[in-house]
Amino acid sequence: MAKFMFLQRGGSEKRPEMRPEQMQQEMQMYMDWIKGGVEAGWILDPGNRLGAGAVVKPDMTVIDGPFTESKELVGGYMMVEASDLAGAIEIVKGSPMVKGGNTIEVRELPEMGKKCE
């Protein structure tokens, strides 16, 4: 089985306004999905939101983050196990986060000590 990282992207999309009970319902669906993945064994690390960060440029200037104005904002991550990339994509398609309007990038993680091809 291969390991994959899911990167939750966002920042530029306009999500529809939701009432508090709708937000709570969406969060509960997400938590149920996470619980099911942990119990089934395909979630290795449920991840979290990403905190403060910075970008170091080639000229050694440092720009503080996070960068909420960016179209490429990475807001969180998760680590899963799947048979292959297609299997990881199918897992993402079942995520309430994608169904709720978020974009998830799927990246295969190399085995420790092996080079990426």
PDB file of N, CA and C in Angstrom:
ATOM      1  N   MET A   1       0.845  -1.184   0.000  1.00  0.00           N
ATOM      2  CA  MET A   1       0.000   0.000   0.000  1.00  0.00           C
ATOM      3  C   MET A   1       0.890   1.248   0.000  1.00  0.00           C
ATOM      4  N   ALA A   2       0.468   2.238  -0.728  1.00  0.00           N
ATOM      5  CA  ALA A   2       1.201   3.501  -0.816  1.00  0.00           C
ATOM      6  C   ALA A   2       0.617   4.509   0.168  1.00  0.00           C
ATOM      7  N   LYS A   3       1.419   5.490   0.504  1.00  0.00           N
ATOM      8  CA  LYS A   3       0.978   6.562   1.404  1.00  0.00           C
ATOM      9  C   LYS A   3       0.797   7.843   0.599  1.00  0.00           C
ATOM     10  N   PHE A   4      -0.238   8.586   0.964  1.00  0.00           N
ATOM     11  CA  PHE A   4      -0.567   9.819   0.257  1.00  0.00           C
ATOM     12  C   PHE A   4      -0.836  10.943   1.244  1.00  0.00           C
ATOM     13  N   MET A   5      -0.542  12.161   0.820  1.00  0.00           N
ATOM     14  CA  MET A   5      -0.894  13.340   1.603  1.00  0.00           C
ATOM     15  C   MET A   5      -2.002  14.067   0.862  1.00  0.00           C
ATOM     16  N   PHE A   6      -3.036  14.426   1.588  1.00  0.00           N
ATOM     17  CA  PHE A   6      -4.104  15.256   1.049  1.00  0.00           C
ATOM     18  C   PHE A   6      -3.853  16.678   1.550  1.00  0.00           C
ATOM     19  N   LEU A   7      -3.783  17.629   0.643  1.00  0.00           N
ATOM     20  CA  LEU A   7      -3.597  19.035   0.994  1.00  0.00           C
ATOM     21  C   LEU A   7      -4.889  19.775   0.703  1.00  0.00           C
ATOM     22  N   GLN A   8      -5.455  20.360   1.745  1.00  0.00           N
ATOM     23  CA  GLN A   8      -6.691  21.120   1.569  1.00  0.00           C
ATOM     24  C   GLN A   8      -6.334  22.503   1.058  1.00  0.00           C
ATOM     25  N   ARG A   9      -6.799  22.797  -0.133  1.00  0.00           N
ATOM     26  CA  ARG A   9      -6.512  24.093  -0.759  1.00  0.00           C
ATOM     27  C   ARG A   9      -7.748  24.973  -0.717  1.00  0.00           C
ATOM     28  N   GLY A  10      -7.510  26.245  -0.721  1.00  0.00           N
ATOM     29  CA  GLY A  10      -8.616  27.187  -0.726  1.00  0.00           C
ATOM     30  C   GLY A  10      -8.086  28.600  -0.722  1.00  0.00           C
ATOM     31  N   GLY A  11      -8.981  29.537  -0.509  1.00  0.00           N
ATOM     32  CA  GLY A  11      -8.560  30.921  -0.399  1.00  0.00           C
ATOM     33  C   GLY A  11      -9.237  31.845  -1.375  1.00  0.00           C
ATOM     34  N   SER A  12      -9.535  31.357  -2.579  1.00  0.00           N
ATOM     35  CA  SER A  12     -10.102  32.268  -3.570  1.00  0.00           C
ATOM     36  C   SER A  12     -11.570  31.999  -3.859  1.00  0.00           C
ATOM     37  N   GLU A  13     -12.061  30.813  -3.469  1.00  0.00           N
ATOM     38  CA  GLU A  13     -13.448  30.490  -3.777  1.00  0.00           C
ATOM     39  C   GLU A  13     -14.384  31.204  -2.804  1.00  0.00           C
ATOM     40  N   LYS A  14     -15.527  31.553  -3.301  1.00  0.00           N
ATOM     41  CA  LYS A  14     -16.573  32.136  -2.457  1.00  0.00           C
ATOM     42  C   LYS A  14     -17.512  31.015  -2.062  1.00  0.00           C
ATOM     43  N   ARG A  15     -17.506  30.671  -0.796  1.00  0.00           N
ATOM     44  CA  ARG A  15     -18.424  29.642  -0.302  1.00  0.00           C
ATOM     45  C   ARG A  15     -19.748  30.292   0.023  1.00  0.00           C
ATOM     46  N   PRO A  16     -20.834  29.584  -0.193  1.00  0.00           N
ATOM     47  CA  PRO A  16     -22.131  30.168   0.140  1.00  0.00           C
ATOM     48  C   PRO A  16     -22.257  30.388   1.644  1.00  0.00           C
ATOM     49  N   GLU A  17     -23.006  31.396   2.002  1.00  0.00           N
ATOM     50  CA  GLU A  17     -23.275  31.656   3.423  1.00  0.00           C
ATOM     51  C   GLU A  17     -24.024  30.469   4.005  1.00  0.00           C
ATOM     52  N   MET A  18     -23.644  30.072   5.215  1.00  0.00           N
ATOM     53  CA  MET A  18     -24.332  28.964   5.863  1.00  0.00           C
ATOM     54  C   MET A  18     -24.787  29.400   7.254  1.00  0.00           C
ATOM     55  N   ARG A  19     -25.923  28.867   7.634  1.00  0.00           N
ATOM     56  CA  ARG A  19     -26.418  29.101   8.987  1.00  0.00           C
ATOM     57  C   ARG A  19     -25.591  28.260   9.952  1.00  0.00           C
ATOM     58  N   PRO A  20     -25.533  28.628  11.227  1.00  0.00           N
ATOM     59  CA  PRO A  20     -24.740  27.860  12.199  1.00  0.00           C
ATOM     60  C   PRO A  20     -25.087  26.374  12.228  1.00  0.00           C
ATOM     61  N   GLU A  21     -26.367  26.046  12.109  1.00  0.00           N
ATOM     62  CA  GLU A  21     -26.742  24.626  12.136  1.00  0.00           C
ATOM     63  C   GLU A  21     -26.253  23.887  10.887  1.00  0.00           C
ATOM     64  N   GLN A  22     -26.174  24.592   9.750  1.00  0.00           N
ATOM     65  CA  GLN A  22     -25.632  23.978   8.535  1.00  0.00           C
ATOM     66  C   GLN A  22     -24.132  23.733   8.688  1.00  0.00           C
ATOM     67  N   MET A  23     -23.419  24.702   9.281  1.00  0.00           N
ATOM     68  CA  MET A  23     -21.984  24.535   9.513  1.00  0.00           C
ATOM     69  C   MET A  23     -21.736  23.368  10.461  1.00  0.00           C
ATOM     70  N   GLN A  24     -22.557  23.261  11.499  1.00  0.00           N
ATOM     71  CA  GLN A  24     -22.411  22.174  12.460  1.00  0.00           C
ATOM     72  C   GLN A  24     -22.680  20.830  11.784  1.00  0.00           C
ATOM     73  N   GLN A  25     -23.696  20.776  10.941  1.00  0.00           N
ATOM     74  CA  GLN A  25     -24.010  19.535  10.227  1.00  0.00           C
ATOM     75  C   GLN A  25     -22.863  19.141   9.287  1.00  0.00           C
ATOM     76  N   GLU A  26     -22.303  20.111   8.572  1.00  0.00           N
ATOM     77  CA  GLU A  26     -21.182  19.824   7.665  1.00  0.00           C
ATOM     78  C   GLU A  26     -19.972  19.327   8.465  1.00  0.00           C
ATOM     79  N   MET A  27     -19.692  19.955   9.607  1.00  0.00           N
ATOM     80  CA  MET A  27     -18.564  19.527  10.428  1.00  0.00           C
ATOM     81  C   MET A  27     -18.791  18.121  10.979  1.00  0.00           C
ATOM     82  N   GLN A  28     -20.020  17.803  11.347  1.00  0.00           N
ATOM     83  CA  GLN A  28     -20.317  16.466  11.863  1.00  0.00           C
ATOM     84  C   GLN A  28     -20.114  15.407  10.772  1.00  0.00           C
ATOM     85  N   MET A  29     -20.523  15.717   9.541  1.00  0.00           N
ATOM     86  CA  MET A  29     -20.310  14.786   8.428  1.00  0.00           C
ATOM     87  C   MET A  29     -18.814  14.548   8.224  1.00  0.00           C
ATOM     88  N   TYR A  30     -18.017  15.617   8.316  1.00  0.00           N
ATOM     89  CA  TYR A  30     -16.570  15.505   8.163  1.00  0.00           C
ATOM     90  C   TYR A  30     -15.977  14.648   9.287  1.00  0.00           C
ATOM     91  N   MET A  31     -16.398  14.894  10.524  1.00  0.00           N
ATOM     92  CA  MET A  31     -15.883  14.132  11.658  1.00  0.00           C
ATOM     93  C   MET A  31     -16.272  12.654  11.540  1.00  0.00           C
ATOM     94  N   ASP A  32     -17.476  12.370  11.066  1.00  0.00           N
ATOM     95  CA  ASP A  32     -17.912  10.984  10.852  1.00  0.00           C
ATOM     96  C   ASP A  32     -17.067  10.316   9.767  1.00  0.00           C
ATOM     97  N   TRP A  33     -16.752  11.062   8.702  1.00  0.00           N
ATOM     98  CA  TRP A  33     -15.916  10.543   7.620  1.00  0.00           C
ATOM     99  C   TRP A  33     -14.521  10.219   8.148  1.00  0.00           C
ATOM    100  N   ILE A  34     -13.966  11.122   8.955  1.00  0.00           N
ATOM    101  CA  ILE A  34     -12.642  10.907   9.563  1.00  0.00           C
ATOM    102  C   ILE A  34     -12.681   9.660  10.450  1.00  0.00           C
ATOM    103  N   LYS A  35     -13.681   9.565  11.306  1.00  0.00           N
ATOM    104  CA  LYS A  35     -13.801   8.423  12.219  1.00  0.00           C
ATOM    105  C   LYS A  35     -13.869   7.123  11.423  1.00  0.00           C
ATOM    106  N   GLY A  36     -14.653   7.099  10.359  1.00  0.00           N
ATOM    107  CA  GLY A  36     -14.768   5.911   9.518  1.00  0.00           C
ATOM    108  C   GLY A  36     -13.436   5.535   8.882  1.00  0.00           C
ATOM    109  N   GLY A  37     -12.667   6.529   8.444  1.00  0.00           N
ATOM    110  CA  GLY A  37     -11.361   6.277   7.839  1.00  0.00           C
ATOM    111  C   GLY A  37     -10.343   5.751   8.830  1.00  0.00           C
ATOM    112  N   VAL A  38     -10.381   6.280  10.059  1.00  0.00           N
ATOM    113  CA  VAL A  38      -9.475   5.795  11.104  1.00  0.00           C
ATOM    114  C   VAL A  38      -9.831   4.349  11.458  1.00  0.00           C
ATOM    115  N   GLU A  39     -11.128   4.098  11.631  1.00  0.00           N
ATOM    116  CA  GLU A  39     -11.569   2.739  11.983  1.00  0.00           C
ATOM    117  C   GLU A  39     -11.257   1.737  10.867  1.00  0.00           C
ATOM    118  N   ALA A  40     -11.377   2.159   9.607  1.00  0.00           N
ATOM    119  CA  ALA A  40     -11.097   1.277   8.475  1.00  0.00           C
ATOM    120  C   ALA A  40      -9.592   1.120   8.229  1.00  0.00           C
ATOM    121  N   GLY A  41      -8.805   2.015   8.797  1.00  0.00           N
ATOM    122  CA  GLY A  41      -7.356   1.918   8.696  1.00  0.00           C
ATOM    123  C   GLY A  41      -6.710   2.657   7.551  1.00  0.00           C
ATOM    124  N   TRP A  42      -7.479   3.349   6.706  1.00  0.00           N
ATOM    125  CA  TRP A  42      -6.839   4.059   5.603  1.00  0.00           C
ATOM    126  C   TRP A  42      -6.377   5.456   5.977  1.00  0.00           C
ATOM    127  N   ILE A  43      -6.866   6.009   7.089  1.00  0.00           N
ATOM    128  CA  ILE A  43      -6.323   7.280   7.573  1.00  0.00           C
ATOM    129  C   ILE A  43      -5.163   6.955   8.509  1.00  0.00           C
ATOM    130  N   LEU A  44      -3.975   7.424   8.144  1.00  0.00           N
ATOM    131  CA  LEU A  44      -2.777   7.231   8.961  1.00  0.00           C
ATOM    132  C   LEU A  44      -2.611   8.374   9.952  1.00  0.00           C
ATOM    133  N   ASP A  45      -2.951   9.571   9.522  1.00  0.00           N
ATOM    134  CA  ASP A  45      -2.872  10.776  10.352  1.00  0.00           C
ATOM    135  C   ASP A  45      -3.994  11.691   9.881  1.00  0.00           C
ATOM    136  N   PRO A  46      -4.990  11.951  10.756  1.00  0.00           N
ATOM    137  CA  PRO A  46      -6.108  12.785  10.317  1.00  0.00           C
ATOM    138  C   PRO A  46      -5.702  14.223  10.040  1.00  0.00           C
ATOM    139  N   GLY A  47      -4.468  14.578  10.370  1.00  0.00           N
ATOM    140  CA  GLY A  47      -3.969  15.908  10.053  1.00  0.00           C
ATOM    141  C   GLY A  47      -4.584  16.991  10.902  1.00  0.00           C
ATOM    142  N   ASN A  48      -4.472  18.189  10.399  1.00  0.00           N
ATOM    143  CA  ASN A  48      -4.945  19.357  11.119  1.00  0.00           C
ATOM    144  C   ASN A  48      -4.854  20.545  10.188  1.00  0.00           C
ATOM    145  N   ARG A  49      -5.339  21.659  10.682  1.00  0.00           N
ATOM    146  CA  ARG A  49      -5.123  22.913   9.960  1.00  0.00           C
ATOM    147  C   ARG A  49      -3.657  23.277  10.115  1.00  0.00           C
ATOM    148  N   LEU A  50      -3.130  23.989   9.145  1.00  0.00           N
ATOM    149  CA  LEU A  50      -1.746  24.431   9.231  1.00  0.00           C
ATOM    150  C   LEU A  50      -1.693  25.802   9.875  1.00  0.00           C
ATOM    151  N   GLY A  51      -0.698  26.010  10.699  1.00  0.00           N
ATOM    152  CA  GLY A  51      -0.549  27.275  11.420  1.00  0.00           C
ATOM    153  C   GLY A  51       0.338  28.261  10.683  1.00  0.00           C
ATOM    154  N   ALA A  52       1.000  29.105  11.462  1.00  0.00           N
ATOM    155  CA  ALA A  52       1.858  30.161  10.930  1.00  0.00           C
ATOM    156  C   ALA A  52       2.926  29.579  10.033  1.00  0.00           C
ATOM    157  N   GLY A  53       3.391  30.362   9.098  1.00  0.00           N
ATOM    158  CA  GLY A  53       4.415  29.911   8.172  1.00  0.00           C
ATOM    159  C   GLY A  53       5.147  31.087   7.565  1.00  0.00           C
ATOM    160  N   ALA A  54       6.064  30.805   6.680  1.00  0.00           N
ATOM    161  CA  ALA A  54       6.843  31.827   6.003  1.00  0.00           C
ATOM    162  C   ALA A  54       7.321  31.265   4.673  1.00  0.00           C
ATOM    163  N   VAL A  55       7.715  32.165   3.784  1.00  0.00           N
ATOM    164  CA  VAL A  55       8.316  31.794   2.509  1.00  0.00           C
ATOM    165  C   VAL A  55       9.707  32.410   2.481  1.00  0.00           C
ATOM    166  N   VAL A  56      10.723  31.583   2.189  1.00  0.00           N
ATOM    167  CA  VAL A  56      12.094  32.064   2.054  1.00  0.00           C
ATOM    168  C   VAL A  56      12.406  32.085   0.567  1.00  0.00           C
ATOM    169  N   LYS A  57      12.771  33.259   0.069  1.00  0.00           N
ATOM    170  CA  LYS A  57      13.054  33.434  -1.358  1.00  0.00           C
ATOM    171  C   LYS A  57      14.545  33.261  -1.631  1.00  0.00           C
ATOM    172  N   PRO A  58      14.913  33.030  -2.911  1.00  0.00           N
ATOM    173  CA  PRO A  58      16.327  32.812  -3.248  1.00  0.00           C
ATOM    174  C   PRO A  58      17.245  33.950  -2.804  1.00  0.00           C
ATOM    175  N   ASP A  59      16.721  35.186  -2.724  1.00  0.00           N
ATOM    176  CA  ASP A  59      17.563  36.305  -2.284  1.00  0.00           C
ATOM    177  C   ASP A  59      17.606  36.429  -0.756  1.00  0.00           C
ATOM    178  N   MET A  60      17.080  35.405  -0.066  1.00  0.00           N
ATOM    179  CA  MET A  60      17.060  35.280   1.388  1.00  0.00           C
ATOM    180  C   MET A  60      16.084  36.225   2.082  1.00  0.00           C
ATOM    181  N   THR A  61      15.194  36.875   1.316  1.00  0.00           N
ATOM    182  CA  THR A  61      14.126  37.615   1.971  1.00  0.00           C
ATOM    183  C   THR A  61      13.107  36.607   2.484  1.00  0.00           C
ATOM    184  N   VAL A  62      12.478  36.973   3.590  1.00  0.00           N
ATOM    185  CA  VAL A  62      11.493  36.104   4.218  1.00  0.00           C
ATOM    186  C   VAL A  62      10.170  36.849   4.270  1.00  0.00           C
ATOM    187  N   ILE A  63       9.116  36.180   3.809  1.00  0.00           N
ATOM    188  CA  ILE A  63       7.772  36.754   3.855  1.00  0.00           C
ATOM    189  C   ILE A  63       6.976  35.933   4.851  1.00  0.00           C
ATOM    190  N   ASP A  64       6.398  36.628   5.839  1.00  0.00           N
ATOM    191  CA  ASP A  64       5.596  35.936   6.846  1.00  0.00           C
ATOM    192  C   ASP A  64       4.286  35.454   6.256  1.00  0.00           C
ATOM    193  N   GLY A  65       3.714  34.420   6.847  1.00  0.00           N
ATOM    194  CA  GLY A  65       2.431  33.873   6.428  1.00  0.00           C
ATOM    195  C   GLY A  65       1.581  33.640   7.651  1.00  0.00           C
ATOM    196  N   PRO A  66       0.458  32.975   7.542  1.00  0.00           N
ATOM    197  CA  PRO A  66      -0.090  32.378   6.333  1.00  0.00           C
ATOM    198  C   PRO A  66      -0.614  33.432   5.367  1.00  0.00           C
ATOM    199  N   PHE A  67      -0.873  32.986   4.159  1.00  0.00           N
ATOM    200  CA  PHE A  67      -1.137  33.904   3.069  1.00  0.00           C
ATOM    201  C   PHE A  67      -2.586  33.796   2.626  1.00  0.00           C
ATOM    202  N   THR A  68      -3.473  34.376   3.392  1.00  0.00           N
ATOM    203  CA  THR A  68      -4.903  34.221   3.136  1.00  0.00           C
ATOM    204  C   THR A  68      -5.352  34.836   1.824  1.00  0.00           C
ATOM    205  N   GLU A  69      -4.561  35.742   1.254  1.00  0.00           N
ATOM    206  CA  GLU A  69      -4.956  36.355  -0.010  1.00  0.00           C
ATOM    207  C   GLU A  69      -4.566  35.511  -1.213  1.00  0.00           C
ATOM    208  N   SER A  70      -3.841  34.453  -0.990  1.00  0.00           N
ATOM    209  CA  SER A  70      -3.329  33.621  -2.074  1.00  0.00           C
ATOM    210  C   SER A  70      -4.404  32.712  -2.658  1.00  0.00           C
ATOM    211  N   LYS A  71      -4.318  32.478  -3.974  1.00  0.00           N
ATOM    212  CA  LYS A  71      -5.189  31.500  -4.616  1.00  0.00           C
ATOM    213  C   LYS A  71      -4.737  30.089  -4.271  1.00  0.00           C
ATOM    214  N   GLU A  72      -3.515  29.944  -3.841  1.00  0.00           N
ATOM    215  CA  GLU A  72      -2.923  28.638  -3.581  1.00  0.00           C
ATOM    216  C   GLU A  72      -2.789  28.334  -2.095  1.00  0.00           C
ATOM    217  N   LEU A  73      -3.615  28.907  -1.271  1.00  0.00           N
ATOM    218  CA  LEU A  73      -3.555  28.715   0.171  1.00  0.00           C
ATOM    219  C   LEU A  73      -3.727  27.242   0.521  1.00  0.00           C
ATOM    220  N   VAL A  74      -2.787  26.699   1.292  1.00  0.00           N
ATOM    221  CA  VAL A  74      -2.911  25.344   1.821  1.00  0.00           C
ATOM    222  C   VAL A  74      -3.357  25.499   3.268  1.00  0.00           C
ATOM    223  N   GLY A  75      -4.565  25.009   3.553  1.00  0.00           N
ATOM    224  CA  GLY A  75      -5.137  25.220   4.875  1.00  0.00           C
ATOM    225  C   GLY A  75      -5.018  24.037   5.813  1.00  0.00           C
ATOM    226  N   GLY A  76      -4.773  22.847   5.304  1.00  0.00           N
ATOM    227  CA  GLY A  76      -4.681  21.683   6.157  1.00  0.00           C
ATOM    228  C   GLY A  76      -4.183  20.483   5.386  1.00  0.00           C
ATOM    229  N   TYR A  77      -3.963  19.393   6.112  1.00  0.00           N
ATOM    230  CA  TYR A  77      -3.433  18.191   5.498  1.00  0.00           C
ATOM    231  C   TYR A  77      -4.017  16.955   6.160  1.00  0.00           C
ATOM    232  N   MET A  78      -3.814  15.811   5.529  1.00  0.00           N
ATOM    233  CA  MET A  78      -4.194  14.509   6.069  1.00  0.00           C
ATOM    234  C   MET A  78      -3.286  13.491   5.384  1.00  0.00           C
ATOM    235  N   MET A  79      -2.927  12.426   6.102  1.00  0.00           N
ATOM    236  CA  MET A  79      -2.117  11.371   5.509  1.00  0.00           C
ATOM    237  C   MET A  79      -2.925  10.082   5.502  1.00  0.00           C
ATOM    238  N   VAL A  80      -2.966   9.435   4.318  1.00  0.00           N
ATOM    239  CA  VAL A  80      -3.766   8.228   4.159  1.00  0.00           C
ATOM    240  C   VAL A  80      -2.944   7.144   3.474  1.00  0.00           C
ATOM    241  N   GLU A  81      -3.512   5.954   3.460  1.00  0.00           N
ATOM    242  CA  GLU A  81      -2.916   4.827   2.762  1.00  0.00           C
ATOM    243  C   GLU A  81      -3.939   4.328   1.754  1.00  0.00           C
ATOM    244  N   ALA A  82      -3.470   4.055   0.546  1.00  0.00           N
ATOM    245  CA  ALA A  82      -4.343   3.546  -0.513  1.00  0.00           C
ATOM    246  C   ALA A  82      -3.512   2.655  -1.429  1.00  0.00           C
ATOM    247  N   SER A  83      -4.183   1.844  -2.225  1.00  0.00           N
ATOM    248  CA  SER A  83      -3.478   0.921  -3.112  1.00  0.00           C
ATOM    249  C   SER A  83      -2.653   1.651  -4.170  1.00  0.00           C
ATOM    250  N   ASP A  84      -3.177   2.784  -4.640  1.00  0.00           N
ATOM    251  CA  ASP A  84      -2.492   3.569  -5.668  1.00  0.00           C
ATOM    252  C   ASP A  84      -3.138   4.953  -5.736  1.00  0.00           C
ATOM    253  N   LEU A  85      -2.662   5.776  -6.671  1.00  0.00           N
ATOM    254  CA  LEU A  85      -3.183   7.133  -6.807  1.00  0.00           C
ATOM    255  C   LEU A  85      -4.684   7.133  -7.084  1.00  0.00           C
ATOM    256  N   ALA A  86      -5.123   6.238  -7.948  1.00  0.00           N
ATOM    257  CA  ALA A  86      -6.560   6.169  -8.269  1.00  0.00           C
ATOM    258  C   ALA A  86      -7.377   5.860  -7.013  1.00  0.00           C
ATOM    259  N   GLY A  87      -6.867   4.975  -6.164  1.00  0.00           N
ATOM    260  CA  GLY A  87      -7.562   4.658  -4.919  1.00  0.00           C
ATOM    261  C   GLY A  87      -7.616   5.845  -3.976  1.00  0.00           C
ATOM    262  N   ALA A  88      -6.518   6.608  -3.902  1.00  0.00           N
ATOM    263  CA  ALA A  88      -6.485   7.808  -3.057  1.00  0.00           C
ATOM    264  C   ALA A  88      -7.476   8.856  -3.573  1.00  0.00           C
ATOM    265  N   ILE A  89      -7.569   8.984  -4.882  1.00  0.00           N
ATOM    266  CA  ILE A  89      -8.518   9.935  -5.475  1.00  0.00           C
ATOM    267  C   ILE A  89      -9.952   9.533  -5.132  1.00  0.00           C
ATOM    268  N   GLU A  90     -10.246   8.249  -5.157  1.00  0.00           N
ATOM    269  CA  GLU A  90     -11.592   7.786  -4.794  1.00  0.00           C
ATOM    270  C   GLU A  90     -11.899   8.117  -3.329  1.00  0.00           C
ATOM    271  N   ILE A  91     -10.897   8.009  -2.460  1.00  0.00           N
ATOM    272  CA  ILE A  91     -11.098   8.385  -1.056  1.00  0.00           C
ATOM    273  C   ILE A  91     -11.470   9.855  -0.963  1.00  0.00           C
ATOM    274  N   VAL A  92     -10.733  10.700  -1.681  1.00  0.00           N
ATOM    275  CA  VAL A  92     -11.006  12.145  -1.650  1.00  0.00           C
ATOM    276  C   VAL A  92     -12.406  12.451  -2.164  1.00  0.00           C
ATOM    277  N   LYS A  93     -12.829  11.748  -3.203  1.00  0.00           N
ATOM    278  CA  LYS A  93     -14.159  11.998  -3.768  1.00  0.00           C
ATOM    279  C   LYS A  93     -15.264  11.750  -2.748  1.00  0.00           C
ATOM    280  N   GLY A  94     -14.992  10.939  -1.728  1.00  0.00           N
ATOM    281  CA  GLY A  94     -15.976  10.688  -0.685  1.00  0.00           C
ATOM    282  C   GLY A  94     -15.935  11.683   0.456  1.00  0.00           C
ATOM    283  N   SER A  95     -15.014  12.627   0.399  1.00  0.00           N
ATOM    284  CA  SER A  95     -14.843  13.598   1.485  1.00  0.00           C
ATOM    285  C   SER A  95     -15.929  14.659   1.488  1.00  0.00           C
ATOM    286  N   PRO A  96     -16.530  14.905   2.649  1.00  0.00           N
ATOM    287  CA  PRO A  96     -17.490  16.001   2.749  1.00  0.00           C
ATOM    288  C   PRO A  96     -16.848  17.364   2.476  1.00  0.00           C
ATOM    289  N   MET A  97     -15.523  17.465   2.641  1.00  0.00           N
ATOM    290  CA  MET A  97     -14.853  18.738   2.382  1.00  0.00           C
ATOM    291  C   MET A  97     -14.911  19.074   0.891  1.00  0.00           C
ATOM    292  N   VAL A  98     -14.697  18.091   0.029  1.00  0.00           N
ATOM    293  CA  VAL A  98     -14.774  18.324  -1.416  1.00  0.00           C
ATOM    294  C   VAL A  98     -16.214  18.622  -1.805  1.00  0.00           C
ATOM    295  N   LYS A  99     -17.127  17.827  -1.264  1.00  0.00           N
ATOM    296  CA  LYS A  99     -18.540  18.047  -1.572  1.00  0.00           C
ATOM    297  C   LYS A  99     -19.009  19.408  -1.086  1.00  0.00           C
ATOM    298  N   GLY A 100     -18.336  19.940  -0.055  1.00  0.00           N
ATOM    299  CA  GLY A 100     -18.686  21.243   0.499  1.00  0.00           C
ATOM    300  C   GLY A 100     -18.005  22.408  -0.192  1.00  0.00           C
ATOM    301  N   GLY A 101     -17.204  22.134  -1.221  1.00  0.00           N
ATOM    302  CA  GLY A 101     -16.614  23.224  -1.989  1.00  0.00           C
ATOM    303  C   GLY A 101     -15.117  23.389  -1.851  1.00  0.00           C
ATOM    304  N   ASN A 102     -14.433  22.565  -1.051  1.00  0.00           N
ATOM    305  CA  ASN A 102     -12.985  22.671  -0.919  1.00  0.00           C
ATOM    306  C   ASN A 102     -12.287  21.878  -2.020  1.00  0.00           C
ATOM    307  N   THR A 103     -11.065  22.252  -2.318  1.00  0.00           N
ATOM    308  CA  THR A 103     -10.232  21.548  -3.268  1.00  0.00           C
ATOM    309  C   THR A 103      -9.189  20.762  -2.480  1.00  0.00           C
ATOM    310  N   ILE A 104      -8.994  19.497  -2.827  1.00  0.00           N
ATOM    311  CA  ILE A 104      -8.005  18.665  -2.156  1.00  0.00           C
ATOM    312  C   ILE A 104      -6.979  18.215  -3.176  1.00  0.00           C
ATOM    313  N   GLU A 105      -5.715  18.516  -2.920  1.00  0.00           N
ATOM    314  CA  GLU A 105      -4.617  18.042  -3.758  1.00  0.00           C
ATOM    315  C   GLU A 105      -4.133  16.717  -3.180  1.00  0.00           C
ATOM    316  N   VAL A 106      -3.892  15.735  -4.034  1.00  0.00           N
ATOM    317  CA  VAL A 106      -3.450  14.403  -3.611  1.00  0.00           C
ATOM    318  C   VAL A 106      -2.010  14.219  -4.076  1.00  0.00           C
ATOM    319  N   ARG A 107      -1.107  13.902  -3.138  1.00  0.00           N
ATOM    320  CA  ARG A 107       0.299  13.677  -3.468  1.00  0.00           C
ATOM    321  C   ARG A 107       0.778  12.379  -2.868  1.00  0.00           C
ATOM    322  N   GLU A 108       1.424  11.545  -3.679  1.00  0.00           N
ATOM    323  CA  GLU A 108       2.002  10.309  -3.155  1.00  0.00           C
ATOM    324  C   GLU A 108       3.274  10.648  -2.395  1.00  0.00           C
ATOM    325  N   LEU A 109       3.460  10.001  -1.254  1.00  0.00           N
ATOM    326  CA  LEU A 109       4.657  10.190  -0.444  1.00  0.00           C
ATOM    327  C   LEU A 109       5.628   9.049  -0.734  1.00  0.00           C
ATOM    328  N   PRO A 110       6.880   9.369  -0.985  1.00  0.00           N
ATOM    329  CA  PRO A 110       7.841   8.302  -1.247  1.00  0.00           C
ATOM    330  C   PRO A 110       8.135   7.519   0.036  1.00  0.00           C
ATOM    331  N   GLU A 111       8.531   6.274  -0.134  1.00  0.00           N
ATOM    332  CA  GLU A 111       8.949   5.497   1.019  1.00  0.00           C
ATOM    333  C   GLU A 111      10.228   6.111   1.563  1.00  0.00           C
ATOM    334  N   MET A 112      10.414   6.030   2.867  1.00  0.00           N
ATOM    335  CA  MET A 112      11.627   6.559   3.480  1.00  0.00           C
ATOM    336  C   MET A 112      12.842   5.920   2.819  1.00  0.00           C
ATOM    337  N   GLY A 113      13.797   6.742   2.407  1.00  0.00           N
ATOM    338  CA  GLY A 113      15.020   6.238   1.822  1.00  0.00           C
ATOM    339  C   GLY A 113      14.953   5.997   0.322  1.00  0.00           C
ATOM    340  N   LYS A 114      13.761   6.137  -0.287  1.00  0.00           N
ATOM    341  CA  LYS A 114      13.638   5.937  -1.731  1.00  0.00           C
ATOM    342  C   LYS A 114      13.508   7.289  -2.416  1.00  0.00           C
ATOM    343  N   LYS A 115      14.041   7.387  -3.604  1.00  0.00           N
ATOM    344  CA  LYS A 115      13.931   8.611  -4.389  1.00  0.00           C
ATOM    345  C   LYS A 115      12.603   8.640  -5.122  1.00  0.00           C
ATOM    346  N   CYS A 116      12.058   9.842  -5.292  1.00  0.00           N
ATOM    347  CA  CYS A 116      10.841  10.006  -6.100  1.00  0.00           C
ATOM    348  C   CYS A 116      11.221   9.797  -7.560  1.00  0.00           C
ATOM    349  N   GLU A 117      10.316   9.193  -8.292  1.00  0.00           N
ATOM    350  CA  GLU A 117      10.573   8.977  -9.726  1.00  0.00           C
ATOM    351  C   GLU A 117       9.866  10.016 -10.542  1.00  0.00           C
TER     352      GLU A 117
END
